[in-house]
């Protein structure tokens, strides 16, 4: 999908799944910069050990477990990338994922703050922050010709054509445009793999 199609997609998604705007959710997409990595390799980096498993949980049921000591971190894969969807982020999960998986990875992250359209978008390459913004529609123009800079131009152009869209739709659309990952109603309303381990390194 192009930028305009993505913006329309997320506009419709946020109308149908309004709960996203009322919960502190995070969405983090990671892509190895060199060789593809298995779920075992990804899991080992996150947990610090290899004693973990994936447990299939209905995403919305997982949201109902309001336990700050055991947040539900959903994981999915597509092509050679992975993405994580966290329904609470009470322990700063996204920041920890970026720290633990930063080196040798491209990372795109979005954290939506509960009860508002406020968000934070972050993009890192090989552990270096290329953008950390709470308003991608107004952040300064990049002088470098990168996929991020090109994506920002496309998203802003699409936004000008539909200025009454949810602000956070632009951030979702930018991640999808750059990474190829797309959230949809089917994924948000189904049973998904949740990352389970006794030694959750990202909670340190």
Protein backbone atom coordinates (compact mmCIF):
# COMPACT_ATOMS: atom_id res chain seq x y z
CA UNK A 1 0.00 0.00 0.00
CA UNK A 2 1.13 3.53 -0.67
CA UNK A 3 1.06 6.36 1.88
CA UNK A 4 -2.50 7.45 1.08
CA UNK A 5 -3.83 3.90 1.22
CA UNK A 6 -2.06 3.29 4.53
CA UNK A 7 -3.42 6.49 6.05
CA UNK A 8 -6.95 5.50 5.01
CA UNK A 9 -6.38 1.98 6.36
CA UNK A 10 -5.30 3.18 9.81
CA UNK A 11 -8.02 5.79 9.93
CA UNK A 12 -10.59 3.00 9.47
CA UNK A 13 -8.75 0.73 11.90
CA UNK A 14 -8.74 3.32 14.70
CA UNK A 15 -12.46 3.93 14.21
CA UNK A 16 -13.19 0.20 14.43
CA UNK A 17 -10.62 -0.50 17.19
CA UNK A 18 -10.94 2.68 19.22
CA UNK A 19 -9.49 0.92 22.29
CA UNK A 20 -6.02 1.48 20.79
CA UNK A 21 -6.35 5.17 21.63
CA UNK A 22 -7.44 4.43 25.21
CA UNK A 23 -4.64 2.05 26.19
CA UNK A 24 -0.88 2.64 26.40
CA UNK A 25 -0.03 0.28 23.55
CA UNK A 26 3.28 -0.05 21.77
CA UNK A 27 4.16 -1.52 18.40
CA UNK A 28 7.80 -2.32 17.66
CA UNK A 29 9.08 -3.68 14.34
CA UNK A 30 12.60 -5.11 14.14
CA UNK A 31 14.60 -6.18 11.10
CA UNK A 32 18.09 -7.72 11.21
CA UNK A 33 20.54 -5.65 9.17
CA UNK A 34 22.55 -8.63 7.94
CA UNK A 35 21.48 -12.28 8.17
CA UNK A 36 17.93 -13.28 9.13
CA UNK A 37 17.47 -14.33 12.76
CA UNK A 38 15.27 -17.07 14.16
CA UNK A 39 12.70 -16.64 16.92
CA UNK A 40 15.14 -18.55 19.17
CA UNK A 41 17.84 -15.96 18.53
CA UNK A 42 15.44 -13.06 19.05
CA UNK A 43 14.03 -14.64 22.21
CA UNK A 44 17.49 -15.29 23.61
CA UNK A 45 18.46 -11.64 23.21
CA UNK A 46 15.28 -10.44 24.88
CA UNK A 47 15.30 -12.86 27.81
CA UNK A 48 19.03 -13.25 28.27
CA UNK A 49 18.46 -17.00 28.39
CA UNK A 50 16.90 -19.58 26.11
CA UNK A 51 14.29 -20.67 28.64
CA UNK A 52 11.22 -19.17 27.03
CA UNK A 53 8.27 -20.23 24.94
CA UNK A 54 5.45 -18.79 22.88
CA UNK A 55 1.96 -19.13 24.28
CA UNK A 56 -1.08 -18.48 22.10
CA UNK A 57 -3.37 -15.93 23.78
CA UNK A 58 -6.31 -13.96 22.47
CA UNK A 59 -4.95 -10.43 22.21
CA UNK A 60 -7.89 -8.68 23.83
CA UNK A 61 -8.07 -11.26 26.62
CA UNK A 62 -4.40 -10.63 27.28
CA UNK A 63 -5.19 -6.95 27.69
CA UNK A 64 -7.60 -7.74 30.53
CA UNK A 65 -4.80 -9.08 32.73
CA UNK A 66 -3.73 -5.85 34.39
CA UNK A 67 -0.60 -7.17 36.07
CA UNK A 68 2.36 -4.75 35.93
CA UNK A 69 4.67 -7.64 36.84
CA UNK A 70 3.55 -9.71 33.85
CA UNK A 71 2.74 -7.54 30.83
CA UNK A 72 1.75 -9.46 27.73
CA UNK A 73 4.19 -9.03 24.87
CA UNK A 74 2.77 -10.38 21.61
CA UNK A 75 5.16 -11.31 18.83
CA UNK A 76 4.64 -12.06 15.15
CA UNK A 77 6.90 -12.57 12.14
CA UNK A 78 6.67 -11.66 8.48
CA UNK A 79 9.30 -12.15 5.79
CA UNK A 80 12.62 -11.67 7.64
CA UNK A 81 11.22 -9.25 10.23
CA UNK A 82 9.46 -9.48 13.60
CA UNK A 83 7.11 -7.18 15.38
CA UNK A 84 6.06 -6.86 19.00
CA UNK A 85 2.73 -5.55 20.25
CA UNK A 86 2.54 -4.67 23.94
CA UNK A 87 -0.85 -3.89 25.43
CA UNK A 88 0.39 -2.00 28.46
CA UNK A 89 4.09 -1.12 28.29
CA UNK A 90 3.98 -0.53 32.05
CA UNK A 91 7.63 -1.48 32.37
CA UNK A 92 9.06 0.48 29.46
CA UNK A 93 9.14 -2.60 27.23
CA UNK A 94 9.78 -0.72 24.01
CA UNK A 95 12.82 1.12 25.37
CA UNK A 96 14.22 -2.18 26.57
CA UNK A 97 13.61 -3.87 23.23
CA UNK A 98 15.44 -1.05 21.49
CA UNK A 99 18.34 -1.39 23.92
CA UNK A 100 18.57 -5.18 23.69
CA UNK A 101 17.98 -5.52 19.95
CA UNK A 102 19.47 -2.22 18.81
CA UNK A 103 22.81 -3.40 17.48
CA UNK A 104 22.63 -4.90 13.97
CA UNK A 105 18.90 -4.13 13.69
CA UNK A 106 16.63 -1.64 12.04
CA UNK A 107 13.91 -0.75 14.55
CA UNK A 108 10.70 1.22 14.13
CA UNK A 109 8.66 1.87 17.26
CA UNK A 110 5.39 3.56 18.17
CA UNK A 111 4.05 4.17 21.68
CA UNK A 112 0.48 5.48 21.95
CA UNK A 113 -0.29 7.19 25.25
CA UNK A 114 -3.59 6.23 26.86
CA UNK A 115 -6.62 8.45 26.45
CA UNK A 116 -5.08 10.82 23.94
CA UNK A 117 -3.77 10.93 20.40
CA UNK A 118 -0.32 11.64 21.77
CA UNK A 119 2.39 9.26 20.68
CA UNK A 120 6.12 8.78 20.34
CA UNK A 121 7.71 7.50 17.14
CA UNK A 122 11.28 6.21 17.23
CA UNK A 123 13.54 4.82 14.54
CA UNK A 124 16.99 3.38 15.19
CA UNK A 125 19.63 1.87 12.93
CA UNK A 126 22.38 -0.30 14.40
CA UNK A 127 21.72 1.14 17.85
CA UNK A 128 21.81 4.76 16.69
CA UNK A 129 18.66 6.89 17.01
CA UNK A 130 17.67 8.39 13.65
CA UNK A 131 14.41 9.86 14.89
CA UNK A 132 12.60 10.22 18.20
CA UNK A 133 9.53 12.40 17.75
CA UNK A 134 6.11 13.02 19.24
CA UNK A 135 4.91 14.72 16.05
CA UNK A 136 6.22 13.34 12.77
CA UNK A 137 3.96 15.71 10.83
CA UNK A 138 5.87 18.74 12.06
CA UNK A 139 9.35 17.49 12.91
CA UNK A 140 12.13 19.25 10.98
CA UNK A 141 12.89 18.13 7.44
CA UNK A 142 15.83 15.77 7.08
CA UNK A 143 18.58 16.86 4.72
CA UNK A 144 19.68 13.27 4.15
CA UNK A 145 18.14 11.24 1.35
CA UNK A 146 17.11 8.20 3.35
CA UNK A 147 14.05 5.94 3.27
CA UNK A 148 12.92 7.65 6.48
CA UNK A 149 13.15 11.11 4.93
CA UNK A 150 11.32 9.92 1.80
CA UNK A 151 8.66 8.22 3.91
CA UNK A 152 8.06 11.38 5.91
CA UNK A 153 7.53 13.36 2.71
CA UNK A 154 5.00 10.81 1.45
CA UNK A 155 3.09 10.61 4.75
CA UNK A 156 2.94 14.38 5.10
CA UNK A 157 1.70 14.74 1.53
CA UNK A 158 -1.02 12.15 2.17
CA UNK A 159 -1.94 13.91 5.42
CA UNK A 160 -2.41 17.24 3.64
CA UNK A 161 -4.99 15.55 1.46
CA UNK A 162 -6.88 14.31 4.53
CA UNK A 163 -6.05 16.65 7.43
CA UNK A 164 -8.88 15.47 9.70
CA UNK A 165 -7.44 11.97 10.12
CA UNK A 166 -6.33 10.76 13.53
CA UNK A 167 -2.88 12.21 14.17
CA UNK A 168 -1.60 8.83 15.32
CA UNK A 169 -2.67 7.31 11.98
CA UNK A 170 0.29 9.07 10.41
CA UNK A 171 2.73 7.36 12.77
CA UNK A 172 1.21 3.92 12.16
CA UNK A 173 1.34 4.59 8.43
CA UNK A 174 4.99 5.62 8.51
CA UNK A 175 6.02 2.38 10.21
CA UNK A 176 4.06 0.34 7.67
CA UNK A 177 5.44 2.32 4.74
CA UNK A 178 9.04 1.83 5.87
CA UNK A 179 8.91 -1.72 7.27
CA UNK A 180 6.13 -3.39 5.29
CA UNK A 181 4.37 -4.51 8.50
CA UNK A 182 0.66 -3.71 8.66
CA UNK A 183 -1.72 -4.09 11.60
CA UNK A 184 -5.30 -4.97 10.74
CA UNK A 185 -8.55 -5.89 12.50
CA UNK A 186 -8.05 -9.59 11.95
CA UNK A 187 -4.70 -9.58 13.73
CA UNK A 188 -5.97 -7.45 16.61
CA UNK A 189 -9.00 -9.68 17.14
CA UNK A 190 -7.36 -13.08 17.02
CA UNK A 191 -5.22 -15.44 19.06
CA UNK A 192 -1.55 -14.46 18.82
CA UNK A 193 1.77 -15.70 20.12
CA UNK A 194 2.75 -14.13 23.44
CA UNK A 195 6.35 -14.20 24.59
CA UNK A 196 6.66 -16.04 27.92
CA UNK A 197 9.81 -16.48 30.00
CA UNK A 198 10.75 -16.81 33.68
CA UNK A 199 13.65 -14.42 33.18
CA UNK A 200 12.30 -11.41 31.34
CA UNK A 201 15.45 -9.44 30.68
CA UNK A 202 13.58 -6.47 29.21
CA UNK A 203 11.97 -5.80 32.63
CA UNK A 204 15.31 -4.97 34.27
